[in-house]
Amino acid sequence: MNQLKKILGFVWMVLGPAAMIFMFWQAMDKIGIAQAAVSAAVNDSARELARSIAINTILQWSIIILVFLPIACGMIIFGKYAVDGAYDHLPQTSEELE
């Protein structure tokens, strides 16, 4: 069981940065699509609507990345502790906590 904890700890350490890289990549892709819609707008009202959508897209992805960045860091820290063996012995009773 301890070996499984260490393997999964390594998985968490890899998954944290991989998730953030994927999110940055998706954010740049979606923001680029929104910016392209602004450039492709044919009149002023369509351009204003596309610009509003582009601003909302940037705001949404900024919030998503700001929320998930600490989560990804926590995954790395949790994985490091698992690989180091901090979870090899978990307390079974309250006496073991002291």
N, C-alpha and C. Protein backbone atom coordinates (compact mmCIF):
# COMPACT_ATOMS: atom_id res chain seq x y z
N MET A 1 0.82 -1.19 0.00
CA MET A 1 0.00 0.00 0.00
C MET A 1 0.87 1.27 0.00
N ASN A 2 1.98 1.22 0.73
CA ASN A 2 2.88 2.37 0.76
C ASN A 2 3.49 2.63 -0.61
N GLN A 3 3.77 1.56 -1.36
CA GLN A 3 4.31 1.73 -2.70
C GLN A 3 3.28 2.42 -3.60
N LEU A 4 2.01 2.05 -3.45
CA LEU A 4 0.95 2.68 -4.23
C LEU A 4 0.85 4.17 -3.88
N LYS A 5 0.98 4.52 -2.61
CA LYS A 5 0.95 5.92 -2.19
C LYS A 5 2.08 6.71 -2.84
N LYS A 6 3.26 6.10 -2.92
CA LYS A 6 4.40 6.79 -3.53
C LYS A 6 4.21 6.95 -5.04
N ILE A 7 3.66 5.94 -5.68
CA ILE A 7 3.40 6.04 -7.12
C ILE A 7 2.37 7.12 -7.39
N LEU A 8 1.29 7.11 -6.61
CA LEU A 8 0.26 8.13 -6.80
C LEU A 8 0.78 9.53 -6.43
N GLY A 9 1.72 9.60 -5.50
CA GLY A 9 2.35 10.89 -5.18
C GLY A 9 3.08 11.45 -6.39
N PHE A 10 3.79 10.57 -7.09
CA PHE A 10 4.46 11.01 -8.32
C PHE A 10 3.45 11.45 -9.36
N VAL A 11 2.33 10.73 -9.46
CA VAL A 11 1.28 11.10 -10.42
C VAL A 11 0.75 12.49 -10.08
N TRP A 12 0.51 12.79 -8.80
CA TRP A 12 0.04 14.11 -8.40
C TRP A 12 1.06 15.19 -8.74
N MET A 13 2.34 14.88 -8.54
CA MET A 13 3.38 15.87 -8.83
C MET A 13 3.46 16.18 -10.32
N VAL A 14 3.15 15.22 -11.16
CA VAL A 14 3.17 15.45 -12.60
C VAL A 14 1.86 16.09 -13.07
N LEU A 15 0.76 15.68 -12.44
CA LEU A 15 -0.55 16.15 -12.87
C LEU A 15 -0.77 17.64 -12.58
N GLY A 16 -0.21 18.16 -11.49
CA GLY A 16 -0.38 19.57 -11.15
C GLY A 16 0.15 20.51 -12.24
N PRO A 17 1.42 20.41 -12.60
CA PRO A 17 1.92 21.29 -13.67
C PRO A 17 1.29 20.99 -15.03
N ALA A 18 0.99 19.72 -15.29
CA ALA A 18 0.37 19.38 -16.57
C ALA A 18 -1.01 20.03 -16.70
N ALA A 19 -1.77 20.04 -15.62
CA ALA A 19 -3.08 20.68 -15.65
C ALA A 19 -2.96 22.18 -15.88
N MET A 20 -1.98 22.81 -15.25
CA MET A 20 -1.82 24.25 -15.44
C MET A 20 -1.36 24.59 -16.86
N ILE A 21 -0.46 23.78 -17.40
CA ILE A 21 -0.03 24.00 -18.78
C ILE A 21 -1.21 23.86 -19.73
N PHE A 22 -2.04 22.83 -19.50
CA PHE A 22 -3.22 22.63 -20.34
C PHE A 22 -4.19 23.80 -20.21
N MET A 23 -4.37 24.32 -18.99
CA MET A 23 -5.28 25.45 -18.80
C MET A 23 -4.77 26.71 -19.47
N PHE A 24 -3.46 26.99 -19.36
CA PHE A 24 -2.90 28.15 -20.04
C PHE A 24 -3.07 28.01 -21.55
N TRP A 25 -2.84 26.82 -22.05
CA TRP A 25 -2.98 26.57 -23.48
C TRP A 25 -4.43 26.80 -23.93
N GLN A 26 -5.38 26.27 -23.17
CA GLN A 26 -6.79 26.47 -23.51
C GLN A 26 -7.18 27.94 -23.40
N ALA A 27 -6.67 28.64 -22.39
CA ALA A 27 -6.99 30.06 -22.22
C ALA A 27 -6.49 30.86 -23.42
N MET A 28 -5.25 30.61 -23.83
CA MET A 28 -4.72 31.34 -24.98
C MET A 28 -5.51 31.03 -26.25
N ASP A 29 -5.93 29.79 -26.40
CA ASP A 29 -6.72 29.40 -27.56
C ASP A 29 -8.07 30.12 -27.57
N LYS A 30 -8.78 30.09 -26.46
CA LYS A 30 -10.11 30.71 -26.38
C LYS A 30 -10.03 32.23 -26.49
N ILE A 31 -9.03 32.83 -25.87
CA ILE A 31 -8.87 34.28 -25.97
C ILE A 31 -8.51 34.67 -27.40
N GLY A 32 -7.68 33.86 -28.05
CA GLY A 32 -7.35 34.13 -29.46
C GLY A 32 -8.56 34.05 -30.37
N ILE A 33 -9.44 33.09 -30.11
CA ILE A 33 -10.67 32.98 -30.90
C ILE A 33 -11.55 34.20 -30.68
N ALA A 34 -11.66 34.65 -29.44
CA ALA A 34 -12.47 35.83 -29.14
C ALA A 34 -11.88 37.08 -29.79
N GLN A 35 -10.56 37.21 -29.78
CA GLN A 35 -9.92 38.37 -30.42
C GLN A 35 -10.10 38.33 -31.93
N ALA A 36 -10.08 37.14 -32.51
CA ALA A 36 -10.29 37.01 -33.95
C ALA A 36 -11.71 37.43 -34.33
N ALA A 37 -12.66 37.15 -33.44
CA ALA A 37 -14.05 37.56 -33.70
C ALA A 37 -14.17 39.08 -33.72
N VAL A 38 -13.38 39.75 -32.89
CA VAL A 38 -13.39 41.22 -32.89
C VAL A 38 -12.85 41.74 -34.22
N SER A 39 -11.80 41.13 -34.70
CA SER A 39 -11.20 41.56 -35.97
C SER A 39 -12.11 41.27 -37.16
N ALA A 40 -12.91 40.21 -37.06
CA ALA A 40 -13.75 39.81 -38.19
C ALA A 40 -15.10 40.52 -38.22
N ALA A 41 -15.40 41.31 -37.20
CA ALA A 41 -16.69 41.99 -37.14
C ALA A 41 -16.80 42.99 -38.30
N VAL A 42 -18.00 43.05 -38.89
CA VAL A 42 -18.16 43.86 -40.10
C VAL A 42 -18.67 45.27 -39.84
N ASN A 43 -19.38 45.50 -38.74
CA ASN A 43 -19.83 46.86 -38.46
C ASN A 43 -19.57 47.20 -37.00
N ASP A 44 -19.87 48.44 -36.64
CA ASP A 44 -19.52 48.92 -35.29
C ASP A 44 -20.27 48.18 -34.19
N SER A 45 -21.55 47.91 -34.38
CA SER A 45 -22.30 47.23 -33.32
C SER A 45 -21.82 45.79 -33.14
N ALA A 46 -21.51 45.11 -34.22
CA ALA A 46 -20.98 43.75 -34.13
C ALA A 46 -19.60 43.75 -33.50
N ARG A 47 -18.79 44.76 -33.83
CA ARG A 47 -17.46 44.87 -33.25
C ARG A 47 -17.54 45.13 -31.75
N GLU A 48 -18.48 45.98 -31.33
CA GLU A 48 -18.65 46.27 -29.91
C GLU A 48 -19.11 45.02 -29.15
N LEU A 49 -20.02 44.26 -29.73
CA LEU A 49 -20.48 43.03 -29.11
C LEU A 49 -19.34 42.02 -29.01
N ALA A 50 -18.56 41.88 -30.07
CA ALA A 50 -17.43 40.94 -30.07
C ALA A 50 -16.37 41.38 -29.06
N ARG A 51 -16.15 42.68 -28.93
CA ARG A 51 -15.18 43.19 -27.96
C ARG A 51 -15.65 42.88 -26.54
N SER A 52 -16.94 43.02 -26.28
CA SER A 52 -17.49 42.70 -24.97
C SER A 52 -17.32 41.21 -24.66
N ILE A 53 -17.56 40.37 -25.64
CA ILE A 53 -17.39 38.93 -25.45
C ILE A 53 -15.92 38.61 -25.21
N ALA A 54 -15.02 39.28 -25.92
CA ALA A 54 -13.59 39.04 -25.74
C ALA A 54 -13.14 39.44 -24.33
N ILE A 55 -13.64 40.56 -23.83
CA ILE A 55 -13.29 40.99 -22.47
C ILE A 55 -13.82 39.99 -21.45
N ASN A 56 -15.04 39.50 -21.66
CA ASN A 56 -15.61 38.50 -20.75
C ASN A 56 -14.80 37.21 -20.78
N THR A 57 -14.32 36.82 -21.95
CA THR A 57 -13.52 35.61 -22.07
C THR A 57 -12.21 35.75 -21.31
N ILE A 58 -11.56 36.89 -21.45
CA ILE A 58 -10.31 37.14 -20.72
C ILE A 58 -10.57 37.11 -19.21
N LEU A 59 -11.64 37.74 -18.76
CA LEU A 59 -11.97 37.77 -17.34
C LEU A 59 -12.25 36.36 -16.82
N GLN A 60 -13.02 35.59 -17.56
CA GLN A 60 -13.35 34.23 -17.13
C GLN A 60 -12.10 33.37 -17.00
N TRP A 61 -11.25 33.41 -17.99
CA TRP A 61 -10.05 32.57 -17.94
C TRP A 61 -9.07 33.05 -16.89
N SER A 62 -9.04 34.35 -16.62
CA SER A 62 -8.18 34.86 -15.55
C SER A 62 -8.64 34.31 -14.20
N ILE A 63 -9.93 34.30 -13.98
CA ILE A 63 -10.47 33.77 -12.73
C ILE A 63 -10.21 32.28 -12.62
N ILE A 64 -10.44 31.54 -13.69
CA ILE A 64 -10.21 30.09 -13.69
C ILE A 64 -8.76 29.79 -13.34
N ILE A 65 -7.83 30.48 -13.96
CA ILE A 65 -6.41 30.22 -13.72
C ILE A 65 -6.03 30.63 -12.29
N LEU A 66 -6.54 31.76 -11.80
CA LEU A 66 -6.22 32.18 -10.44
C LEU A 66 -6.77 31.22 -9.40
N VAL A 67 -7.90 30.58 -9.67
CA VAL A 67 -8.46 29.61 -8.73
C VAL A 67 -7.68 28.31 -8.76
N PHE A 68 -7.33 27.83 -9.94
CA PHE A 68 -6.71 26.53 -10.05
C PHE A 68 -5.19 26.54 -9.85
N LEU A 69 -4.56 27.69 -9.86
CA LEU A 69 -3.12 27.74 -9.61
C LEU A 69 -2.76 27.25 -8.21
N PRO A 70 -3.43 27.71 -7.15
CA PRO A 70 -3.12 27.16 -5.81
C PRO A 70 -3.48 25.68 -5.70
N ILE A 71 -4.52 25.24 -6.40
CA ILE A 71 -4.88 23.83 -6.37
C ILE A 71 -3.77 23.00 -6.98
N ALA A 72 -3.22 23.45 -8.10
CA ALA A 72 -2.12 22.73 -8.74
C ALA A 72 -0.88 22.72 -7.84
N CYS A 73 -0.60 23.83 -7.16
CA CYS A 73 0.53 23.86 -6.23
C CYS A 73 0.29 22.90 -5.08
N GLY A 74 -0.94 22.82 -4.60
CA GLY A 74 -1.27 21.87 -3.54
C GLY A 74 -1.10 20.43 -3.98
N MET A 75 -1.41 20.15 -5.25
CA MET A 75 -1.21 18.80 -5.77
C MET A 75 0.27 18.44 -5.77
N ILE A 76 1.11 19.40 -6.13
CA ILE A 76 2.55 19.15 -6.14
C ILE A 76 3.05 18.90 -4.71
N ILE A 77 2.61 19.72 -3.77
CA ILE A 77 3.05 19.56 -2.38
C ILE A 77 2.55 18.23 -1.82
N PHE A 78 1.28 17.90 -2.07
CA PHE A 78 0.73 16.63 -1.60
C PHE A 78 1.50 15.45 -2.18
N GLY A 79 1.82 15.53 -3.47
CA GLY A 79 2.60 14.47 -4.10
C GLY A 79 3.99 14.35 -3.53
N LYS A 80 4.61 15.49 -3.23
CA LYS A 80 5.96 15.46 -2.64
C LYS A 80 5.95 14.76 -1.29
N TYR A 81 4.96 15.09 -0.46
CA TYR A 81 4.85 14.43 0.84
C TYR A 81 4.59 12.93 0.68
N ALA A 82 3.78 12.56 -0.30
CA ALA A 82 3.50 11.14 -0.52
C ALA A 82 4.75 10.40 -0.99
N VAL A 83 5.52 11.02 -1.87
CA VAL A 83 6.75 10.39 -2.35
C VAL A 83 7.78 10.30 -1.21
N ASP A 84 7.83 11.31 -0.35
CA ASP A 84 8.77 11.30 0.77
C ASP A 84 8.37 10.32 1.87
N GLY A 85 7.15 9.78 1.82
CA GLY A 85 6.73 8.79 2.80
C GLY A 85 6.04 9.37 4.01
N ALA A 86 5.54 10.58 3.93
CA ALA A 86 4.88 11.20 5.08
C ALA A 86 3.57 10.51 5.42
N TYR A 87 2.99 9.80 4.46
CA TYR A 87 1.71 9.13 4.69
C TYR A 87 1.89 7.62 4.85
N ASP A 88 3.10 7.16 5.13
CA ASP A 88 3.33 5.72 5.28
C ASP A 88 2.59 5.15 6.49
N HIS A 89 2.59 5.89 7.58
CA HIS A 89 1.88 5.43 8.78
C HIS A 89 0.86 6.48 9.16
N LEU A 90 -0.41 6.15 9.02
CA LEU A 90 -1.48 7.05 9.41
C LEU A 90 -2.01 6.61 10.77
N PRO A 91 -2.32 7.54 11.66
CA PRO A 91 -2.80 7.17 13.00
C PRO A 91 -4.14 6.43 12.93
N GLN A 92 -4.28 5.40 13.76
CA GLN A 92 -5.51 4.63 13.82
C GLN A 92 -6.38 5.03 15.01
N THR A 93 -5.75 5.55 16.06
CA THR A 93 -6.48 5.97 17.25
C THR A 93 -6.05 7.39 17.61
N SER A 94 -6.81 8.00 18.51
CA SER A 94 -6.49 9.37 18.91
C SER A 94 -5.23 9.42 19.77
N GLU A 95 -4.86 8.30 20.41
CA GLU A 95 -3.63 8.28 21.20
C GLU A 95 -2.40 8.40 20.32
N GLU A 96 -2.48 7.93 19.11
CA GLU A 96 -1.34 8.00 18.19
C GLU A 96 -1.10 9.40 17.67
N LEU A 97 -2.06 10.29 17.82
CA LEU A 97 -1.90 11.65 17.35
C LEU A 97 -0.96 12.47 18.23
N GLU A 98 -0.79 12.07 19.45
CA GLU A 98 0.03 12.84 20.40
C GLU A 98 1.49 12.55 20.30
